[in-house]
Amino acid sequence: MWPFGLYIVLVLLVVAGMLGVSAVLGQRHREPATGDPFESGIVGTGPEHVRLSIRFYLVAMFFVVFDLESIFVFAWAVAARPLGWAGYAEMVVFVVVLLLTLLYLVRTGALNWAEANDARQRPWSSAHGMANPASRATPGAV
């Protein structure tokens, strides 16, 4: 256990040393453009925070999750013989859970972008849980 503690102490000393040397030897300048954000040397022209749809993040998370699961399946395939039937049964359970998750995502519409765009264009659609006000007209109304 002490080697791990020694490692943590050494890492903290290196980090503190780098910060200390940077504070002592670093440049100090106060030009007006010092705090301005830029990317790749190009000065920004629009707002600093661009609002992206949550679907971009969802697709990225789905990719990471399913990519990691493919790594687990590959690792199982490499060690399939030593694991025997017990390992096979565990992998079947793992793949079934993976397929159920994928079916859940499809069923909830998490992977259907076109439907989300249609629902956004029709604010009274059933996707928002609201009925069309015109369909709720009373029988005596004109």
N, C-alpha and C. Protein backbone atom coordinates (compact mmCIF):
# COMPACT_ATOMS: atom_id res chain seq x y z
N MET A 1 0.82 -1.19 0.00
CA MET A 1 0.00 0.00 0.00
C MET A 1 0.87 1.25 0.00
N TRP A 2 2.03 1.17 0.62
CA TRP A 2 2.87 2.37 0.69
C TRP A 2 3.40 2.81 -0.67
N PRO A 3 3.63 1.93 -1.67
CA PRO A 3 4.07 2.43 -2.97
C PRO A 3 3.02 3.33 -3.62
N PHE A 4 1.73 2.99 -3.44
CA PHE A 4 0.68 3.82 -4.01
C PHE A 4 0.65 5.19 -3.31
N GLY A 5 0.80 5.21 -2.00
CA GLY A 5 0.85 6.48 -1.26
C GLY A 5 2.03 7.32 -1.68
N LEU A 6 3.19 6.67 -1.87
CA LEU A 6 4.37 7.39 -2.34
C LEU A 6 4.14 7.96 -3.73
N TYR A 7 3.48 7.19 -4.59
CA TYR A 7 3.16 7.66 -5.94
C TYR A 7 2.28 8.91 -5.89
N ILE A 8 1.25 8.89 -5.04
CA ILE A 8 0.36 10.05 -4.92
C ILE A 8 1.13 11.28 -4.43
N VAL A 9 1.99 11.09 -3.45
CA VAL A 9 2.79 12.21 -2.93
C VAL A 9 3.70 12.77 -4.01
N LEU A 10 4.36 11.89 -4.78
CA LEU A 10 5.24 12.35 -5.85
C LEU A 10 4.46 13.09 -6.94
N VAL A 11 3.28 12.61 -7.29
CA VAL A 11 2.47 13.30 -8.30
C VAL A 11 2.08 14.68 -7.80
N LEU A 12 1.65 14.78 -6.55
CA LEU A 12 1.28 16.09 -6.00
C LEU A 12 2.49 17.04 -5.96
N LEU A 13 3.66 16.52 -5.64
CA LEU A 13 4.87 17.36 -5.64
C LEU A 13 5.21 17.85 -7.05
N VAL A 14 5.09 16.98 -8.03
CA VAL A 14 5.38 17.39 -9.42
C VAL A 14 4.38 18.45 -9.87
N VAL A 15 3.10 18.27 -9.58
CA VAL A 15 2.10 19.25 -9.97
C VAL A 15 2.35 20.58 -9.26
N ALA A 16 2.60 20.54 -7.96
CA ALA A 16 2.88 21.77 -7.22
C ALA A 16 4.14 22.44 -7.75
N GLY A 17 5.16 21.67 -8.08
CA GLY A 17 6.38 22.25 -8.64
C GLY A 17 6.14 22.92 -9.98
N MET A 18 5.37 22.28 -10.86
CA MET A 18 5.07 22.89 -12.16
C MET A 18 4.29 24.19 -12.01
N LEU A 19 3.29 24.17 -11.13
CA LEU A 19 2.52 25.40 -10.91
C LEU A 19 3.39 26.50 -10.29
N GLY A 20 4.26 26.12 -9.36
CA GLY A 20 5.13 27.12 -8.74
C GLY A 20 6.12 27.73 -9.72
N VAL A 21 6.77 26.88 -10.53
CA VAL A 21 7.72 27.38 -11.52
C VAL A 21 7.01 28.26 -12.55
N SER A 22 5.81 27.86 -12.95
CA SER A 22 5.04 28.65 -13.91
C SER A 22 4.67 30.01 -13.33
N ALA A 23 4.31 30.05 -12.05
CA ALA A 23 3.95 31.32 -11.42
C ALA A 23 5.15 32.24 -11.29
N VAL A 24 6.32 31.67 -11.04
CA VAL A 24 7.52 32.50 -10.85
C VAL A 24 8.10 32.94 -12.19
N LEU A 25 8.20 32.04 -13.16
CA LEU A 25 8.87 32.35 -14.42
C LEU A 25 7.92 32.76 -15.54
N GLY A 26 6.61 32.61 -15.35
CA GLY A 26 5.66 32.89 -16.41
C GLY A 26 5.58 34.35 -16.79
N GLN A 27 5.15 34.61 -18.02
CA GLN A 27 5.01 35.98 -18.50
C GLN A 27 3.79 36.63 -17.88
N ARG A 28 3.90 37.94 -17.67
CA ARG A 28 2.77 38.71 -17.17
C ARG A 28 2.52 39.84 -18.16
N HIS A 29 1.36 39.78 -18.78
CA HIS A 29 1.00 40.84 -19.72
C HIS A 29 -0.49 41.13 -19.59
N ARG A 30 -0.87 42.35 -19.91
CA ARG A 30 -2.25 42.80 -19.72
C ARG A 30 -2.84 43.39 -21.00
N GLU A 31 -2.58 42.79 -22.15
CA GLU A 31 -3.17 43.29 -23.38
C GLU A 31 -4.68 43.09 -23.36
N PRO A 32 -5.42 43.93 -24.09
CA PRO A 32 -6.88 43.82 -24.07
C PRO A 32 -7.39 42.48 -24.61
N ALA A 33 -6.70 41.89 -25.55
CA ALA A 33 -7.19 40.66 -26.18
C ALA A 33 -6.75 39.40 -25.43
N THR A 34 -6.09 39.53 -24.29
CA THR A 34 -5.57 38.37 -23.58
C THR A 34 -6.69 37.44 -23.13
N GLY A 35 -7.79 37.98 -22.64
CA GLY A 35 -8.86 37.15 -22.13
C GLY A 35 -9.91 36.77 -23.15
N ASP A 36 -9.78 37.23 -24.40
CA ASP A 36 -10.79 36.93 -25.42
C ASP A 36 -10.66 35.48 -25.88
N PRO A 37 -11.81 34.81 -26.05
CA PRO A 37 -11.74 33.43 -26.55
C PRO A 37 -11.47 33.39 -28.05
N PHE A 38 -10.71 32.41 -28.46
CA PHE A 38 -10.47 32.20 -29.90
C PHE A 38 -10.20 30.72 -30.11
N GLU A 39 -10.40 30.29 -31.33
CA GLU A 39 -10.12 28.90 -31.65
C GLU A 39 -9.28 28.85 -32.91
N SER A 40 -8.17 28.20 -32.82
CA SER A 40 -7.25 28.03 -33.94
C SER A 40 -6.80 29.37 -34.51
N GLY A 41 -6.68 30.36 -33.66
CA GLY A 41 -6.21 31.67 -34.11
C GLY A 41 -7.27 32.51 -34.80
N ILE A 42 -8.51 32.03 -34.85
CA ILE A 42 -9.59 32.77 -35.51
C ILE A 42 -10.42 33.45 -34.44
N VAL A 43 -10.60 34.74 -34.56
CA VAL A 43 -11.39 35.48 -33.60
C VAL A 43 -12.86 35.15 -33.82
N GLY A 44 -13.57 34.85 -32.73
CA GLY A 44 -14.98 34.51 -32.81
C GLY A 44 -15.83 35.69 -33.24
N THR A 45 -16.89 35.41 -34.01
CA THR A 45 -17.78 36.49 -34.46
C THR A 45 -19.17 36.35 -33.88
N GLY A 46 -19.56 35.18 -33.43
CA GLY A 46 -20.91 34.95 -32.93
C GLY A 46 -20.94 34.88 -31.42
N PRO A 47 -22.06 34.41 -30.89
CA PRO A 47 -22.15 34.27 -29.44
C PRO A 47 -21.19 33.20 -28.93
N GLU A 48 -20.80 33.37 -27.68
CA GLU A 48 -19.83 32.43 -27.11
C GLU A 48 -20.43 31.04 -26.92
N HIS A 49 -21.69 30.98 -26.53
CA HIS A 49 -22.33 29.70 -26.25
C HIS A 49 -23.35 29.40 -27.35
N VAL A 50 -23.08 28.38 -28.12
CA VAL A 50 -24.00 27.96 -29.17
C VAL A 50 -24.85 26.83 -28.60
N ARG A 51 -26.14 26.97 -28.71
CA ARG A 51 -27.04 25.94 -28.19
C ARG A 51 -27.21 24.84 -29.21
N LEU A 52 -26.83 23.64 -28.83
CA LEU A 52 -26.99 22.47 -29.68
C LEU A 52 -28.11 21.61 -29.14
N SER A 53 -28.73 20.86 -30.01
CA SER A 53 -29.79 19.95 -29.61
C SER A 53 -29.21 18.85 -28.72
N ILE A 54 -30.00 18.43 -27.75
CA ILE A 54 -29.57 17.37 -26.85
C ILE A 54 -29.35 16.07 -27.61
N ARG A 55 -29.95 15.93 -28.78
CA ARG A 55 -29.82 14.70 -29.56
C ARG A 55 -28.37 14.45 -29.98
N PHE A 56 -27.59 15.50 -30.20
CA PHE A 56 -26.18 15.31 -30.55
C PHE A 56 -25.45 14.60 -29.40
N TYR A 57 -25.73 15.03 -28.16
CA TYR A 57 -25.10 14.42 -27.01
C TYR A 57 -25.60 12.99 -26.81
N LEU A 58 -26.90 12.76 -27.04
CA LEU A 58 -27.45 11.42 -26.89
C LEU A 58 -26.80 10.45 -27.87
N VAL A 59 -26.65 10.87 -29.11
CA VAL A 59 -26.02 9.99 -30.10
C VAL A 59 -24.58 9.70 -29.69
N ALA A 60 -23.88 10.70 -29.18
CA ALA A 60 -22.50 10.49 -28.74
C ALA A 60 -22.45 9.50 -27.57
N MET A 61 -23.37 9.64 -26.62
CA MET A 61 -23.38 8.71 -25.49
C MET A 61 -23.75 7.30 -25.94
N PHE A 62 -24.73 7.18 -26.85
CA PHE A 62 -25.09 5.86 -27.35
C PHE A 62 -23.91 5.22 -28.05
N PHE A 63 -23.17 6.00 -28.82
CA PHE A 63 -22.00 5.47 -29.52
C PHE A 63 -20.97 4.94 -28.52
N VAL A 64 -20.69 5.73 -27.50
CA VAL A 64 -19.68 5.31 -26.51
C VAL A 64 -20.14 4.05 -25.79
N VAL A 65 -21.41 4.01 -25.38
CA VAL A 65 -21.91 2.84 -24.65
C VAL A 65 -21.84 1.59 -25.51
N PHE A 66 -22.34 1.67 -26.74
CA PHE A 66 -22.35 0.49 -27.58
C PHE A 66 -20.95 0.12 -28.07
N ASP A 67 -20.08 1.09 -28.20
CA ASP A 67 -18.70 0.81 -28.57
C ASP A 67 -17.99 0.06 -27.44
N LEU A 68 -18.19 0.49 -26.22
CA LEU A 68 -17.58 -0.22 -25.08
C LEU A 68 -18.13 -1.63 -24.95
N GLU A 69 -19.41 -1.78 -25.23
CA GLU A 69 -19.99 -3.12 -25.14
C GLU A 69 -19.40 -4.04 -26.22
N SER A 70 -19.09 -3.49 -27.38
CA SER A 70 -18.46 -4.32 -28.41
C SER A 70 -17.06 -4.76 -27.98
N ILE A 71 -16.39 -3.93 -27.20
CA ILE A 71 -15.08 -4.32 -26.67
C ILE A 71 -15.23 -5.49 -25.70
N PHE A 72 -16.28 -5.46 -24.86
CA PHE A 72 -16.52 -6.57 -23.94
C PHE A 72 -16.81 -7.86 -24.70
N VAL A 73 -17.59 -7.76 -25.76
CA VAL A 73 -17.91 -8.96 -26.56
C VAL A 73 -16.64 -9.51 -27.21
N PHE A 74 -15.79 -8.62 -27.71
CA PHE A 74 -14.53 -9.06 -28.31
C PHE A 74 -13.64 -9.75 -27.27
N ALA A 75 -13.54 -9.16 -26.09
CA ALA A 75 -12.72 -9.77 -25.03
C ALA A 75 -13.27 -11.14 -24.66
N TRP A 76 -14.59 -11.28 -24.62
CA TRP A 76 -15.18 -12.59 -24.34
C TRP A 76 -14.84 -13.59 -25.44
N ALA A 77 -14.90 -13.12 -26.71
CA ALA A 77 -14.62 -14.02 -27.83
C ALA A 77 -13.19 -14.54 -27.77
N VAL A 78 -12.27 -13.71 -27.31
CA VAL A 78 -10.86 -14.13 -27.22
C VAL A 78 -10.70 -15.21 -26.14
N ALA A 79 -11.45 -15.08 -25.05
CA ALA A 79 -11.30 -16.01 -23.93
C ALA A 79 -12.48 -16.96 -23.82
N ALA A 80 -13.14 -17.28 -24.92
CA ALA A 80 -14.37 -18.08 -24.88
C ALA A 80 -14.11 -19.51 -24.39
N ARG A 81 -13.06 -20.15 -24.87
CA ARG A 81 -12.82 -21.56 -24.49
C ARG A 81 -12.53 -21.72 -23.00
N PRO A 82 -11.63 -20.93 -22.42
CA PRO A 82 -11.39 -21.11 -20.98
C PRO A 82 -12.60 -20.78 -20.12
N LEU A 83 -13.47 -19.90 -20.59
CA LEU A 83 -14.64 -19.52 -19.79
C LEU A 83 -15.71 -20.60 -19.79
N GLY A 84 -15.76 -21.38 -20.84
CA GLY A 84 -16.71 -22.49 -20.90
C GLY A 84 -18.16 -22.03 -21.03
N TRP A 85 -19.06 -22.96 -20.63
CA TRP A 85 -20.49 -22.68 -20.78
C TRP A 85 -20.97 -21.58 -19.84
N ALA A 86 -20.34 -21.45 -18.69
CA ALA A 86 -20.73 -20.38 -17.76
C ALA A 86 -20.45 -19.01 -18.37
N GLY A 87 -19.30 -18.88 -19.02
CA GLY A 87 -18.98 -17.62 -19.70
C GLY A 87 -19.92 -17.36 -20.86
N TYR A 88 -20.31 -18.44 -21.55
CA TYR A 88 -21.25 -18.30 -22.66
C TYR A 88 -22.61 -17.80 -22.15
N ALA A 89 -23.07 -18.38 -21.05
CA ALA A 89 -24.36 -17.97 -20.48
C ALA A 89 -24.31 -16.51 -20.03
N GLU A 90 -23.21 -16.10 -19.43
CA GLU A 90 -23.08 -14.70 -19.01
C GLU A 90 -23.07 -13.76 -20.21
N MET A 91 -22.42 -14.17 -21.31
CA MET A 91 -22.40 -13.32 -22.49
C MET A 91 -23.78 -13.25 -23.13
N VAL A 92 -24.53 -14.34 -23.09
CA VAL A 92 -25.90 -14.32 -23.62
C VAL A 92 -26.74 -13.32 -22.82
N VAL A 93 -26.62 -13.34 -21.50
CA VAL A 93 -27.35 -12.37 -20.67
C VAL A 93 -26.92 -10.94 -21.01
N PHE A 94 -25.63 -10.73 -21.18
CA PHE A 94 -25.10 -9.41 -21.52
C PHE A 94 -25.68 -8.92 -22.86
N VAL A 95 -25.68 -9.77 -23.86
CA VAL A 95 -26.19 -9.39 -25.19
C VAL A 95 -27.70 -9.17 -25.14
N VAL A 96 -28.42 -9.97 -24.37
CA VAL A 96 -29.86 -9.76 -24.24
C VAL A 96 -30.16 -8.41 -23.60
N VAL A 97 -29.42 -8.06 -22.56
CA VAL A 97 -29.60 -6.74 -21.94
C VAL A 97 -29.27 -5.63 -22.94
N LEU A 98 -28.22 -5.83 -23.72
CA LEU A 98 -27.85 -4.86 -24.76
C LEU A 98 -28.98 -4.71 -25.78
N LEU A 99 -29.55 -5.81 -26.24
CA LEU A 99 -30.64 -5.75 -27.22
C LEU A 99 -31.89 -5.12 -26.62
N LEU A 100 -32.20 -5.42 -25.37
CA LEU A 100 -33.36 -4.81 -24.72
C LEU A 100 -33.18 -3.30 -24.59
N THR A 101 -31.96 -2.88 -24.30
CA THR A 101 -31.67 -1.45 -24.23
C THR A 101 -31.85 -0.79 -25.58
N LEU A 102 -31.35 -1.43 -26.62
CA LEU A 102 -31.51 -0.88 -27.96
C LEU A 102 -32.98 -0.82 -28.36
N LEU A 103 -33.75 -1.86 -28.04
CA LEU A 103 -35.19 -1.84 -28.33
C LEU A 103 -35.89 -0.73 -27.56
N TYR A 104 -35.48 -0.50 -26.32
CA TYR A 104 -36.06 0.58 -25.53
C TYR A 104 -35.77 1.94 -26.17
N LEU A 105 -34.54 2.13 -26.64
CA LEU A 105 -34.18 3.39 -27.29
C LEU A 105 -34.99 3.61 -28.56
N VAL A 106 -35.18 2.55 -29.32
CA VAL A 106 -35.98 2.67 -30.55
C VAL A 106 -37.43 2.95 -30.21
N ARG A 107 -37.95 2.26 -29.21
CA ARG A 107 -39.36 2.43 -28.84
C ARG A 107 -39.65 3.82 -28.30
N THR A 108 -38.74 4.40 -27.54
CA THR A 108 -38.96 5.74 -26.99
C THR A 108 -38.69 6.83 -28.00
N GLY A 109 -38.15 6.47 -29.16
CA GLY A 109 -37.89 7.46 -30.20
C GLY A 109 -36.59 8.22 -30.01
N ALA A 110 -35.71 7.71 -29.18
CA ALA A 110 -34.45 8.41 -28.93
C ALA A 110 -33.56 8.44 -30.17
N LEU A 111 -33.78 7.53 -31.09
CA LEU A 111 -32.95 7.48 -32.30
C LEU A 111 -33.68 8.01 -33.52
N ASN A 112 -34.88 8.55 -33.35
CA ASN A 112 -35.69 9.01 -34.47
C ASN A 112 -35.69 10.53 -34.52
N TRP A 113 -34.83 11.10 -35.31
CA TRP A 113 -34.71 12.55 -35.41
C TRP A 113 -35.84 13.15 -36.23
N ALA A 114 -36.30 12.47 -37.25
CA ALA A 114 -37.32 13.03 -38.14
C ALA A 114 -38.61 13.28 -37.37
N GLU A 115 -39.00 12.38 -36.48
CA GLU A 115 -40.22 12.56 -35.71
C GLU A 115 -40.11 13.77 -34.79
N ALA A 116 -38.93 14.01 -34.22
CA ALA A 116 -38.74 15.16 -33.35
C ALA A 116 -38.90 16.45 -34.13
N ASN A 117 -38.42 16.49 -35.37
CA ASN A 117 -38.57 17.68 -36.19
C ASN A 117 -40.04 17.91 -36.54
N ASP A 118 -40.80 16.83 -36.85
CA ASP A 118 -42.21 16.97 -37.15
C ASP A 118 -42.97 17.50 -35.94
N ALA A 119 -42.66 16.97 -34.75
CA ALA A 119 -43.36 17.39 -33.54
C ALA A 119 -43.04 18.85 -33.22
N ARG A 120 -41.84 19.29 -33.55
CA ARG A 120 -41.47 20.67 -33.28
C ARG A 120 -42.24 21.61 -34.20
N GLN A 121 -42.54 21.17 -35.41
CA GLN A 121 -43.26 22.01 -36.34
C GLN A 121 -44.75 22.05 -36.03
N ARG A 122 -45.29 21.01 -35.39
CA ARG A 122 -46.71 20.97 -35.04
C ARG A 122 -46.80 20.99 -33.51
N PRO A 123 -46.95 22.17 -32.90
CA PRO A 123 -46.90 22.24 -31.44
C PRO A 123 -48.03 21.50 -30.73
N TRP A 124 -49.15 21.21 -31.41
CA TRP A 124 -50.25 20.52 -30.75
C TRP A 124 -50.25 19.04 -31.06
N SER A 125 -49.12 18.49 -31.45
CA SER A 125 -49.08 17.07 -31.80
C SER A 125 -49.14 16.21 -30.54
N SER A 126 -49.46 14.95 -30.74
CA SER A 126 -49.57 14.03 -29.61
C SER A 126 -48.20 13.75 -28.99
N ALA A 127 -47.12 14.07 -29.69
CA ALA A 127 -45.79 13.86 -29.13
C ALA A 127 -45.57 14.72 -27.90
N HIS A 128 -46.28 15.85 -27.80
CA HIS A 128 -46.13 16.73 -26.66
C HIS A 128 -47.14 16.42 -25.57
N GLY A 129 -47.99 15.43 -25.81
CA GLY A 129 -48.96 15.05 -24.79
C GLY A 129 -50.17 15.96 -24.76
N MET A 130 -50.38 16.76 -25.79
CA MET A 130 -51.51 17.67 -25.84
C MET A 130 -52.37 17.34 -27.05
N ALA A 131 -53.63 17.57 -26.90
CA ALA A 131 -54.54 17.35 -28.02
C ALA A 131 -54.71 18.64 -28.81
N ASN A 132 -55.10 18.52 -30.04
CA ASN A 132 -55.36 19.67 -30.89
C ASN A 132 -56.56 20.42 -30.32
N PRO A 133 -56.47 21.74 -30.07
CA PRO A 133 -57.58 22.49 -29.50
C PRO A 133 -58.82 22.43 -30.39
N ALA A 134 -58.64 22.33 -31.69
CA ALA A 134 -59.79 22.29 -32.59
C ALA A 134 -60.56 20.99 -32.42
N SER A 135 -59.88 19.92 -32.01
CA SER A 135 -60.57 18.63 -31.86
C SER A 135 -61.36 18.57 -30.56
N ARG A 136 -61.17 19.55 -29.67
CA ARG A 136 -61.89 19.56 -28.40
C ARG A 136 -63.10 20.49 -28.44
N ALA A 137 -63.55 20.85 -29.59
CA ALA A 137 -64.68 21.76 -29.70
C ALA A 137 -65.93 21.13 -29.12
N THR A 138 -66.73 21.95 -28.47
CA THR A 138 -67.96 21.44 -27.87
C THR A 138 -68.99 21.20 -28.97
N PRO A 139 -69.95 20.30 -28.76
CA PRO A 139 -70.89 19.95 -29.81
C PRO A 139 -71.73 21.13 -30.29
N GLY A 140 -72.03 22.09 -29.44
CA GLY A 140 -72.86 23.21 -29.86
C GLY A 140 -72.06 24.36 -30.44
N ALA A 141 -70.73 24.25 -30.44
CA ALA A 141 -69.90 25.36 -30.93
C ALA A 141 -69.91 25.42 -32.44
N VAL A 142 -69.73 26.62 -32.98
CA VAL A 142 -69.73 26.82 -34.42
C VAL A 142 -68.33 26.72 -34.96
